[in-house]
C-alpha cells in the first residue's frame, strides 16, 4: 500500500512536470520581473494627497477650534507685540524672532540678509477676521540669535511640499548659510 506522503509527492511531481512542459525558466523570470517592477512603480503613480491633508486640516464649521499641539490656547485679547510668539502673523514660523534680535518682524537685523527662498503660511488676523498669505524668510549671515524662540507649525506640510514646511534651513541658498533669525512678511489677502 502506498503511503499518503508518497501519493502527495507523486502528485506534486506530475504537477511540476506539467508546468515545466508548458513554460520555460526564462518566461517565468520575465513574468516575475514585470510583476516586481509593477509593484515597485505603484507608489510613483500621481496621487493628489494634498487635498486629503488640507481637508483634514480644516476644522468643522460648528466645532470650536482646538488649540495647536505645543502652543498655548489663543488669548482672549489680540496680541500686537511683535516680540511675542502669539502675534497673529507668526502662525507658521519656526525659529528665532528677528524683532528680538535687532531687526523687526519684517526686516532682518544689520549684518544679515534675507534668504531668497521662503516658506509660506496662511494666518488669520483676529482684528479683521481675514486670512493673509505670509512669507517667512530666514535672515542669514551671522550666528544664531538665540532670543525669542517661536515654534508654531500650524498648516505645516510634509517635506515633499518644501515651500510649506518650516523645518528647512532656508539659508542654504546664501553665500553665508548661517541662520540668525526669521521674519514674516504679509504678501496679501488669501482668496478662498
N, C-alpha and C. Protein backbone atom coordinates (compact mmCIF):
# COMPACT_ATOMS: atom_id res chain seq x y z
N UNK A 1 0.84 -1.17 0.00
CA UNK A 1 0.00 0.00 0.00
C UNK A 1 0.89 1.24 0.00
N UNK A 2 0.52 2.24 -0.80
CA UNK A 2 1.30 3.47 -0.94
C UNK A 2 0.86 4.43 0.15
N UNK A 3 1.84 5.02 0.79
CA UNK A 3 1.53 5.95 1.90
C UNK A 3 1.01 7.28 1.34
N UNK A 4 0.39 8.03 2.23
CA UNK A 4 -0.16 9.34 1.86
C UNK A 4 0.95 10.28 1.41
N UNK A 5 2.09 10.22 2.07
CA UNK A 5 3.25 11.05 1.70
C UNK A 5 3.70 10.75 0.28
N UNK A 6 3.75 9.49 -0.09
CA UNK A 6 4.19 9.09 -1.43
C UNK A 6 3.20 9.59 -2.47
N UNK A 7 1.92 9.50 -2.18
CA UNK A 7 0.90 9.97 -3.13
C UNK A 7 1.04 11.49 -3.34
N UNK A 8 1.22 12.22 -2.24
CA UNK A 8 1.37 13.66 -2.34
C UNK A 8 2.64 14.02 -3.13
N UNK A 9 3.73 13.31 -2.91
CA UNK A 9 4.97 13.53 -3.66
C UNK A 9 4.75 13.28 -5.15
N UNK A 10 4.06 12.19 -5.49
CA UNK A 10 3.79 11.84 -6.89
C UNK A 10 2.92 12.91 -7.55
N UNK A 11 1.90 13.40 -6.82
CA UNK A 11 1.02 14.44 -7.35
C UNK A 11 1.80 15.73 -7.62
N UNK A 12 2.65 16.13 -6.71
CA UNK A 12 3.46 17.34 -6.88
C UNK A 12 4.44 17.17 -8.04
N UNK A 13 4.99 15.98 -8.20
CA UNK A 13 5.91 15.73 -9.30
C UNK A 13 5.20 15.87 -10.64
N UNK A 14 4.01 15.27 -10.76
CA UNK A 14 3.24 15.37 -12.00
C UNK A 14 2.86 16.82 -12.32
N UNK A 15 2.47 17.56 -11.28
CA UNK A 15 2.10 18.96 -11.50
C UNK A 15 3.31 19.78 -11.93
N UNK A 16 4.45 19.56 -11.32
CA UNK A 16 5.67 20.27 -11.68
C UNK A 16 6.10 19.97 -13.10
N UNK A 17 6.03 18.69 -13.49
CA UNK A 17 6.41 18.31 -14.85
C UNK A 17 5.46 18.91 -15.88
N UNK A 18 4.19 18.99 -15.53
CA UNK A 18 3.20 19.58 -16.44
C UNK A 18 3.50 21.06 -16.67
N UNK A 19 3.79 21.80 -15.60
CA UNK A 19 4.13 23.22 -15.72
C UNK A 19 5.42 23.38 -16.50
N UNK A 20 6.40 22.53 -16.27
CA UNK A 20 7.69 22.60 -16.96
C UNK A 20 7.53 22.37 -18.45
N UNK A 21 6.60 21.50 -18.87
CA UNK A 21 6.39 21.25 -20.30
C UNK A 21 5.75 22.46 -20.99
N UNK A 22 4.93 23.22 -20.26
CA UNK A 22 4.21 24.34 -20.87
C UNK A 22 4.96 25.67 -20.79
N UNK A 23 5.97 25.81 -19.95
CA UNK A 23 6.67 27.08 -19.80
C UNK A 23 8.16 26.87 -19.61
N UNK A 24 8.91 27.99 -19.77
CA UNK A 24 10.36 27.91 -19.59
C UNK A 24 10.77 28.77 -18.41
N UNK A 25 12.00 28.58 -17.95
CA UNK A 25 12.51 29.41 -16.84
C UNK A 25 12.60 30.87 -17.26
N UNK A 26 13.02 31.10 -18.50
CA UNK A 26 13.15 32.46 -18.99
C UNK A 26 11.79 33.17 -19.01
N UNK A 27 10.76 32.45 -19.42
CA UNK A 27 9.41 33.01 -19.43
C UNK A 27 8.96 33.34 -18.00
N UNK A 28 9.21 32.43 -17.09
CA UNK A 28 8.82 32.66 -15.69
C UNK A 28 9.56 33.86 -15.11
N UNK A 29 10.87 33.94 -15.35
CA UNK A 29 11.66 35.06 -14.82
C UNK A 29 11.20 36.39 -15.42
N UNK A 30 10.86 36.41 -16.70
CA UNK A 30 10.37 37.63 -17.34
C UNK A 30 9.06 38.09 -16.72
N UNK A 31 8.13 37.17 -16.53
CA UNK A 31 6.83 37.50 -15.92
C UNK A 31 7.02 37.96 -14.48
N UNK A 32 7.87 37.28 -13.75
CA UNK A 32 8.14 37.63 -12.36
C UNK A 32 8.76 39.02 -12.26
N UNK A 33 9.72 39.33 -13.15
CA UNK A 33 10.38 40.64 -13.15
C UNK A 33 9.38 41.75 -13.48
N UNK A 34 8.48 41.50 -14.42
CA UNK A 34 7.46 42.52 -14.74
C UNK A 34 6.54 42.76 -13.55
N UNK A 35 6.17 41.71 -12.85
CA UNK A 35 5.29 41.87 -11.69
C UNK A 35 5.99 42.67 -10.58
N UNK A 36 7.25 42.36 -10.32
CA UNK A 36 8.00 43.08 -9.29
C UNK A 36 8.16 44.55 -9.68
N UNK A 37 8.46 44.82 -10.95
CA UNK A 37 8.61 46.21 -11.41
C UNK A 37 7.30 46.96 -11.28
N UNK A 38 6.20 46.33 -11.62
CA UNK A 38 4.89 46.96 -11.50
C UNK A 38 4.55 47.29 -10.06
N UNK A 39 4.84 46.38 -9.15
CA UNK A 39 4.56 46.61 -7.74
C UNK A 39 5.45 47.74 -7.21
N UNK A 40 6.71 47.78 -7.64
CA UNK A 40 7.63 48.81 -7.18
C UNK A 40 7.24 50.18 -7.73
N UNK A 41 6.67 50.24 -8.94
CA UNK A 41 6.30 51.52 -9.56
C UNK A 41 4.95 52.04 -9.06
N UNK A 42 4.18 51.24 -8.38
CA UNK A 42 2.85 51.65 -7.93
C UNK A 42 2.88 52.92 -7.08
N UNK A 43 3.81 53.10 -6.12
CA UNK A 43 3.81 54.34 -5.34
C UNK A 43 4.17 55.58 -6.16
N UNK A 44 4.71 55.41 -7.37
CA UNK A 44 5.10 56.54 -8.19
C UNK A 44 3.94 57.13 -8.98
N UNK A 45 2.80 56.48 -8.97
CA UNK A 45 1.66 56.99 -9.71
C UNK A 45 1.23 58.33 -9.13
N UNK A 46 0.80 59.25 -9.99
CA UNK A 46 0.41 60.57 -9.48
C UNK A 46 -0.88 60.49 -8.67
N UNK A 47 -0.76 60.87 -7.40
CA UNK A 47 -1.91 60.87 -6.50
C UNK A 47 -1.90 62.21 -5.79
N UNK A 48 -3.01 62.88 -5.74
CA UNK A 48 -3.09 64.17 -5.05
C UNK A 48 -3.49 63.93 -3.61
N UNK A 49 -2.48 63.74 -2.77
CA UNK A 49 -2.73 63.51 -1.36
C UNK A 49 -2.92 64.83 -0.61
N UNK A 50 -2.48 65.94 -1.21
CA UNK A 50 -2.58 67.24 -0.57
C UNK A 50 -4.02 67.63 -0.26
N UNK A 51 -4.95 67.29 -1.15
CA UNK A 51 -6.36 67.65 -0.92
C UNK A 51 -6.90 66.96 0.32
N UNK A 52 -6.50 65.71 0.52
CA UNK A 52 -6.95 64.97 1.71
C UNK A 52 -6.35 65.60 2.96
N UNK A 53 -5.06 65.96 2.90
CA UNK A 53 -4.41 66.57 4.06
C UNK A 53 -5.01 67.95 4.35
N UNK A 54 -5.30 68.72 3.29
CA UNK A 54 -5.90 70.04 3.50
C UNK A 54 -7.28 69.91 4.12
N UNK A 55 -8.07 68.94 3.65
CA UNK A 55 -9.41 68.73 4.21
C UNK A 55 -9.32 68.32 5.67
N UNK A 56 -8.32 67.54 6.01
CA UNK A 56 -8.15 67.11 7.40
C UNK A 56 -7.74 68.28 8.29
N UNK A 57 -7.04 69.28 7.72
CA UNK A 57 -6.60 70.44 8.49
C UNK A 57 -7.73 71.43 8.76
N UNK A 58 -8.79 71.38 7.95
CA UNK A 58 -9.88 72.33 8.12
C UNK A 58 -10.78 71.90 9.26
N UNK A 59 -11.06 72.81 10.22
CA UNK A 59 -11.96 72.44 11.30
C UNK A 59 -13.41 72.46 10.81
N UNK A 60 -14.26 71.71 11.46
CA UNK A 60 -15.67 71.71 11.13
C UNK A 60 -16.23 73.11 11.41
N UNK A 61 -17.24 73.55 10.63
CA UNK A 61 -17.75 74.91 10.75
C UNK A 61 -18.33 75.19 12.13
N UNK A 62 -19.00 74.22 12.74
CA UNK A 62 -19.64 74.45 14.02
C UNK A 62 -18.76 74.06 15.21
N UNK A 63 -17.63 73.42 14.95
CA UNK A 63 -16.78 72.94 16.05
C UNK A 63 -15.84 74.05 16.49
N UNK A 64 -15.61 74.19 17.78
CA UNK A 64 -14.63 75.17 18.24
C UNK A 64 -13.23 74.74 17.83
N UNK A 65 -12.39 75.71 17.52
CA UNK A 65 -11.02 75.40 17.09
C UNK A 65 -10.25 74.81 18.26
N UNK A 66 -9.56 73.71 18.00
CA UNK A 66 -8.76 73.06 19.04
C UNK A 66 -7.41 73.77 19.12
N UNK A 67 -6.85 73.90 20.31
CA UNK A 67 -5.52 74.52 20.42
C UNK A 67 -4.48 73.63 19.74
N UNK A 68 -3.47 74.26 19.14
CA UNK A 68 -2.42 73.54 18.46
C UNK A 68 -1.51 72.86 19.48
N UNK A 69 -0.98 71.70 19.09
CA UNK A 69 -0.08 70.98 19.98
C UNK A 69 1.17 71.81 20.22
N UNK A 70 1.59 71.89 21.46
CA UNK A 70 2.80 72.61 21.81
C UNK A 70 2.63 74.12 21.84
N UNK A 71 1.39 74.60 21.71
CA UNK A 71 1.15 76.03 21.70
C UNK A 71 -0.04 76.32 22.61
N UNK A 72 0.07 77.34 23.40
CA UNK A 72 -0.99 77.67 24.35
C UNK A 72 -2.25 78.09 23.62
N UNK A 73 -3.39 77.96 24.28
CA UNK A 73 -4.67 78.37 23.73
C UNK A 73 -4.62 79.86 23.42
N UNK A 74 -5.29 80.26 22.31
CA UNK A 74 -5.26 81.65 21.88
C UNK A 74 -5.78 82.56 22.98
N UNK A 75 -5.07 83.66 23.25
CA UNK A 75 -5.51 84.57 24.30
C UNK A 75 -6.79 85.29 23.90
N UNK A 76 -7.52 85.78 24.91
CA UNK A 76 -8.78 86.48 24.66
C UNK A 76 -8.52 87.83 24.01
N UNK A 77 -7.38 88.46 24.32
CA UNK A 77 -7.06 89.76 23.73
C UNK A 77 -6.16 89.55 22.52
N UNK A 78 -6.21 90.51 21.61
CA UNK A 78 -5.40 90.42 20.40
C UNK A 78 -3.98 90.86 20.72
N UNK A 79 -3.01 90.01 20.42
CA UNK A 79 -1.60 90.31 20.69
C UNK A 79 -1.04 91.13 19.53
N UNK A 80 -0.46 92.27 19.84
CA UNK A 80 0.14 93.13 18.81
C UNK A 80 1.64 93.28 19.02
N UNK A 81 2.19 92.63 20.04
CA UNK A 81 3.61 92.70 20.34
C UNK A 81 4.39 91.82 19.35
N UNK A 82 5.23 92.43 18.53
CA UNK A 82 5.99 91.69 17.52
C UNK A 82 7.08 90.82 18.13
N UNK A 83 7.33 90.95 19.43
CA UNK A 83 8.31 90.11 20.10
C UNK A 83 7.63 88.93 20.82
N UNK A 84 6.33 88.78 20.63
CA UNK A 84 5.58 87.69 21.24
C UNK A 84 5.28 86.60 20.21
N UNK A 85 5.47 85.37 20.59
CA UNK A 85 5.18 84.26 19.69
C UNK A 85 3.69 84.17 19.37
N UNK A 86 2.85 84.80 20.19
CA UNK A 86 1.40 84.78 19.97
C UNK A 86 0.94 85.83 18.96
N UNK A 87 1.85 86.63 18.42
CA UNK A 87 1.49 87.61 17.39
C UNK A 87 0.89 86.86 16.22
N UNK A 88 -0.23 87.32 15.70
CA UNK A 88 -1.04 86.54 14.76
C UNK A 88 -0.30 86.12 13.49
N UNK A 89 0.60 86.95 12.97
CA UNK A 89 1.23 86.58 11.70
C UNK A 89 2.41 85.62 11.87
N UNK A 90 2.65 85.15 13.09
CA UNK A 90 3.67 84.14 13.33
C UNK A 90 3.07 82.73 13.34
N UNK A 91 1.92 82.52 12.74
CA UNK A 91 1.21 81.25 12.86
C UNK A 91 1.97 80.05 12.29
N UNK A 92 2.92 80.26 11.39
CA UNK A 92 3.66 79.14 10.80
C UNK A 92 5.16 79.32 10.91
N UNK A 93 5.60 80.13 11.85
CA UNK A 93 7.04 80.42 11.98
C UNK A 93 7.72 79.32 12.81
N UNK A 94 8.99 79.15 12.57
CA UNK A 94 9.80 78.19 13.32
C UNK A 94 11.21 78.76 13.39
N UNK A 95 11.57 79.33 14.51
CA UNK A 95 12.91 79.90 14.65
C UNK A 95 12.93 80.99 15.69
N UNK A 96 13.93 81.87 15.57
CA UNK A 96 14.08 83.00 16.48
C UNK A 96 13.48 84.23 15.82
N UNK A 97 12.73 85.02 16.58
CA UNK A 97 12.08 86.21 16.03
C UNK A 97 13.10 87.33 15.84
N UNK A 98 13.19 87.85 14.62
CA UNK A 98 14.14 88.94 14.33
C UNK A 98 13.79 90.20 15.11
N UNK A 99 12.53 90.35 15.52
CA UNK A 99 12.13 91.51 16.32
C UNK A 99 12.85 91.52 17.66
N UNK A 100 13.35 90.38 18.12
CA UNK A 100 14.11 90.29 19.37
C UNK A 100 15.62 90.30 19.12
N UNK A 101 16.02 90.34 17.87
CA UNK A 101 17.44 90.16 17.52
C UNK A 101 18.03 91.38 16.81
N UNK A 102 17.40 92.53 16.96
CA UNK A 102 17.94 93.74 16.34
C UNK A 102 17.24 94.15 15.06
N UNK A 103 16.28 93.37 14.61
CA UNK A 103 15.51 93.73 13.42
C UNK A 103 14.07 93.98 13.80
N UNK A 104 13.17 93.82 12.86
CA UNK A 104 11.74 93.93 13.14
C UNK A 104 11.07 92.64 12.67
N UNK A 105 9.75 92.61 12.73
CA UNK A 105 9.05 91.41 12.26
C UNK A 105 9.14 91.28 10.74
N UNK A 106 9.53 92.36 10.03
CA UNK A 106 9.59 92.31 8.56
C UNK A 106 10.98 92.59 8.00
N UNK A 107 11.94 93.03 8.82
CA UNK A 107 13.28 93.34 8.32
C UNK A 107 14.35 92.59 9.11
N UNK A 108 15.37 92.19 8.39
CA UNK A 108 16.48 91.47 9.01
C UNK A 108 17.36 92.44 9.80
N UNK A 109 18.01 91.95 10.85
CA UNK A 109 18.93 92.81 11.61
C UNK A 109 20.14 93.20 10.76
N UNK A 110 20.82 94.30 11.13
CA UNK A 110 22.03 94.69 10.40
C UNK A 110 23.06 93.55 10.41
N UNK A 111 23.74 93.40 9.29
CA UNK A 111 24.76 92.36 9.16
C UNK A 111 24.22 91.03 8.68
N UNK A 112 22.91 90.96 8.44
CA UNK A 112 22.31 89.74 7.90
C UNK A 112 21.57 90.08 6.61
N UNK A 113 21.27 89.06 5.85
CA UNK A 113 20.49 89.26 4.63
C UNK A 113 19.41 88.19 4.54
N UNK A 114 18.26 88.53 3.96
CA UNK A 114 17.17 87.55 3.88
C UNK A 114 17.49 86.44 2.89
N UNK A 115 16.99 85.27 3.17
CA UNK A 115 17.16 84.16 2.23
C UNK A 115 16.28 84.43 1.01
N UNK A 116 16.77 84.08 -0.19
CA UNK A 116 15.97 84.33 -1.39
C UNK A 116 14.80 83.33 -1.53
N UNK A 117 14.84 82.25 -0.79
CA UNK A 117 13.76 81.27 -0.83
C UNK A 117 13.06 81.26 0.52
N UNK A 118 11.78 80.98 0.53
CA UNK A 118 10.98 81.13 1.74
C UNK A 118 10.01 79.97 1.89
N UNK A 119 9.33 79.96 3.01
CA UNK A 119 8.17 79.10 3.17
C UNK A 119 6.97 80.00 3.39
N UNK A 120 5.79 79.50 3.08
CA UNK A 120 4.58 80.30 3.07
C UNK A 120 3.58 79.76 4.09
N UNK A 121 2.88 80.65 4.76
CA UNK A 121 1.81 80.27 5.67
C UNK A 121 0.58 81.13 5.41
N UNK A 122 -0.55 80.69 5.89
CA UNK A 122 -1.78 81.47 5.82
C UNK A 122 -2.25 81.69 7.24
N UNK A 123 -2.27 82.94 7.68
CA UNK A 123 -2.61 83.28 9.06
C UNK A 123 -3.86 84.16 9.07
N UNK A 124 -4.69 83.95 10.08
CA UNK A 124 -5.89 84.77 10.23
C UNK A 124 -5.62 85.91 11.21
N UNK A 125 -5.91 87.13 10.76
CA UNK A 125 -5.77 88.31 11.61
C UNK A 125 -7.04 88.41 12.45
N UNK A 126 -6.92 88.28 13.77
CA UNK A 126 -8.12 88.32 14.60
C UNK A 126 -8.79 89.69 14.63
N UNK A 127 -8.06 90.74 14.24
CA UNK A 127 -8.64 92.08 14.25
C UNK A 127 -9.70 92.24 13.17
N UNK A 128 -9.47 91.67 11.98
CA UNK A 128 -10.45 91.80 10.90
C UNK A 128 -11.03 90.46 10.44
N UNK A 129 -10.56 89.35 10.99
CA UNK A 129 -11.09 88.03 10.65
C UNK A 129 -10.71 87.54 9.27
N UNK A 130 -9.79 88.21 8.61
CA UNK A 130 -9.38 87.82 7.25
C UNK A 130 -8.11 86.98 7.31
N UNK A 131 -7.96 86.10 6.30
CA UNK A 131 -6.76 85.28 6.18
C UNK A 131 -5.76 86.01 5.28
N UNK A 132 -4.48 85.95 5.68
CA UNK A 132 -3.42 86.60 4.92
C UNK A 132 -2.34 85.59 4.57
N UNK A 133 -1.77 85.73 3.36
CA UNK A 133 -0.61 84.94 2.97
C UNK A 133 0.62 85.60 3.59
N UNK A 134 1.41 84.81 4.29
CA UNK A 134 2.58 85.34 4.97
C UNK A 134 3.80 84.57 4.49
N UNK A 135 4.82 85.32 4.07
CA UNK A 135 6.09 84.73 3.65
C UNK A 135 7.06 84.79 4.82
N UNK A 136 7.68 83.67 5.12
CA UNK A 136 8.66 83.60 6.20
C UNK A 136 10.05 83.48 5.60
N UNK A 137 10.92 84.44 5.91
CA UNK A 137 12.29 84.43 5.43
C UNK A 137 13.23 84.22 6.59
N UNK A 138 14.24 83.40 6.37
CA UNK A 138 15.33 83.30 7.33
C UNK A 138 16.31 84.43 7.03
N UNK A 139 16.84 85.05 8.07
CA UNK A 139 17.89 86.05 7.91
C UNK A 139 19.22 85.34 8.15
N UNK A 140 20.13 85.52 7.23
CA UNK A 140 21.34 84.70 7.20
C UNK A 140 22.60 85.56 7.28
N UNK A 141 23.70 84.93 7.66
CA UNK A 141 24.99 85.59 7.62
C UNK A 141 25.66 85.78 8.96
N UNK A 142 24.94 85.56 10.05
CA UNK A 142 25.52 85.65 11.39
C UNK A 142 25.13 84.40 12.16
N UNK A 143 25.79 84.20 13.28
CA UNK A 143 25.45 83.03 14.10
C UNK A 143 24.04 83.18 14.66
N UNK A 144 23.49 82.09 15.14
CA UNK A 144 22.11 82.05 15.63
C UNK A 144 21.89 83.08 16.72
N UNK A 145 20.77 83.79 16.64
CA UNK A 145 20.42 84.85 17.60
C UNK A 145 20.17 84.26 18.98
N UNK A 146 19.33 83.26 19.08
CA UNK A 146 19.07 82.59 20.35
C UNK A 146 18.04 83.25 21.23
N UNK A 147 17.40 84.34 20.78
CA UNK A 147 16.38 85.02 21.59
C UNK A 147 15.00 84.82 20.97
N UNK A 148 13.99 84.76 21.82
CA UNK A 148 12.59 84.66 21.39
C UNK A 148 12.34 83.47 20.46
N UNK A 149 12.59 82.29 20.96
CA UNK A 149 12.30 81.09 20.16
C UNK A 149 10.79 80.98 19.96
N UNK A 150 10.39 80.75 18.72
CA UNK A 150 8.97 80.63 18.40
C UNK A 150 8.78 79.47 17.43
N UNK A 151 8.08 78.43 17.86
CA UNK A 151 7.83 77.26 17.01
C UNK A 151 6.33 77.05 16.92
N UNK A 152 5.77 77.48 15.82
CA UNK A 152 4.34 77.29 15.56
C UNK A 152 4.23 76.62 14.21
N UNK A 153 3.68 75.44 14.18
CA UNK A 153 3.65 74.63 12.95
C UNK A 153 2.26 74.52 12.36
N UNK A 154 1.44 75.55 12.51
CA UNK A 154 0.08 75.50 12.00
C UNK A 154 0.09 75.45 10.48
N UNK A 155 -0.50 74.42 9.91
CA UNK A 155 -0.59 74.29 8.46
C UNK A 155 0.67 73.77 7.80
N UNK A 156 1.63 73.33 8.58
CA UNK A 156 2.88 72.81 8.01
C UNK A 156 2.59 71.53 7.23
N UNK A 157 3.24 71.39 6.09
CA UNK A 157 3.07 70.21 5.24
C UNK A 157 4.33 69.35 5.30
N UNK A 158 4.22 68.09 4.88
CA UNK A 158 5.41 67.21 4.87
C UNK A 158 6.50 67.74 3.96
N UNK A 159 7.67 67.17 4.08
CA UNK A 159 8.84 67.66 3.36
C UNK A 159 8.71 67.61 1.85
N UNK A 160 7.78 66.82 1.29
CA UNK A 160 7.65 66.81 -0.15
C UNK A 160 6.95 68.09 -0.65
N UNK A 161 6.43 68.91 0.25
CA UNK A 161 5.89 70.24 -0.08
C UNK A 161 6.79 71.25 0.63
N UNK A 162 8.05 71.37 0.17
CA UNK A 162 9.04 72.16 0.88
C UNK A 162 8.63 73.61 1.10
N UNK A 163 7.91 74.22 0.16
CA UNK A 163 7.54 75.62 0.32
C UNK A 163 6.56 75.83 1.46
N UNK A 164 5.96 74.75 1.97
CA UNK A 164 5.02 74.85 3.08
C UNK A 164 5.57 74.17 4.34
N UNK A 165 6.86 73.95 4.37
CA UNK A 165 7.47 73.29 5.52
C UNK A 165 8.52 74.20 6.12
N UNK A 166 8.49 74.36 7.43
CA UNK A 166 9.41 75.30 8.08
C UNK A 166 10.61 74.62 8.72
N UNK A 167 10.85 73.36 8.45
CA UNK A 167 11.95 72.64 9.08
C UNK A 167 13.23 72.63 8.23
N UNK A 168 13.31 73.51 7.28
CA UNK A 168 14.46 73.55 6.37
C UNK A 168 15.30 74.78 6.72
N UNK A 169 16.61 74.67 6.62
CA UNK A 169 17.48 75.84 6.76
C UNK A 169 17.47 76.55 5.41
N UNK A 170 16.64 77.57 5.31
CA UNK A 170 16.47 78.27 4.03
C UNK A 170 17.69 79.13 3.69
N UNK A 171 18.66 79.24 4.58
CA UNK A 171 19.89 79.99 4.30
C UNK A 171 20.83 79.22 3.37
N UNK A 172 20.46 78.01 3.01
CA UNK A 172 21.34 77.19 2.16
C UNK A 172 21.60 77.86 0.81
N UNK A 173 20.76 78.80 0.39
CA UNK A 173 20.94 79.47 -0.90
C UNK A 173 21.83 80.71 -0.80
N UNK A 174 22.19 81.10 0.41
CA UNK A 174 23.01 82.31 0.61
C UNK A 174 24.49 81.97 0.57
N UNK A 175 25.31 83.02 0.36
CA UNK A 175 26.77 82.83 0.39
C UNK A 175 27.22 82.37 1.77
N UNK A 176 26.64 82.97 2.81
CA UNK A 176 26.93 82.57 4.18
C UNK A 176 25.68 81.85 4.70
N UNK A 177 25.70 80.52 4.82
CA UNK A 177 24.50 79.77 5.17
C UNK A 177 24.15 79.73 6.66
N UNK A 178 24.81 80.57 7.49
CA UNK A 178 24.48 80.59 8.92
C UNK A 178 23.11 81.20 9.14
N UNK A 179 22.28 80.52 9.90
CA UNK A 179 20.94 81.02 10.23
C UNK A 179 21.03 81.93 11.45
N UNK A 180 20.34 83.10 11.39
CA UNK A 180 20.33 84.03 12.51
C UNK A 180 18.94 84.15 13.14
N UNK A 181 17.93 84.49 12.34
CA UNK A 181 16.56 84.65 12.85
C UNK A 181 15.59 84.62 11.67
N UNK A 182 14.29 84.76 11.95
CA UNK A 182 13.26 84.70 10.90
C UNK A 182 12.34 85.91 10.96
N UNK A 183 11.92 86.36 9.78
CA UNK A 183 10.96 87.46 9.66
C UNK A 183 9.70 86.95 8.99
N UNK A 184 8.61 87.71 9.12
CA UNK A 184 7.35 87.35 8.46
C UNK A 184 6.84 88.57 7.71
N UNK A 185 6.61 88.39 6.42
CA UNK A 185 6.18 89.49 5.55
C UNK A 185 4.81 89.13 4.98
N UNK A 186 3.84 90.02 5.15
CA UNK A 186 2.50 89.78 4.61
C UNK A 186 2.53 90.02 3.11
N UNK A 187 2.11 89.00 2.34
CA UNK A 187 2.09 89.10 0.88
C UNK A 187 0.77 89.65 0.37
N UNK A 188 -0.31 89.39 1.09
CA UNK A 188 -1.62 89.87 0.66
C UNK A 188 -2.72 89.05 1.30
N UNK A 189 -3.94 89.39 0.95
CA UNK A 189 -5.11 88.68 1.47
C UNK A 189 -5.25 87.36 0.74
N UNK A 190 -5.51 86.30 1.48
CA UNK A 190 -5.70 84.97 0.89
C UNK A 190 -7.12 84.87 0.35
N UNK A 191 -7.24 84.47 -0.90
CA UNK A 191 -8.57 84.29 -1.50
C UNK A 191 -9.06 82.89 -1.22
N UNK A 192 -10.33 82.75 -0.97
CA UNK A 192 -10.89 81.44 -0.65
C UNK A 192 -11.55 80.83 -1.85
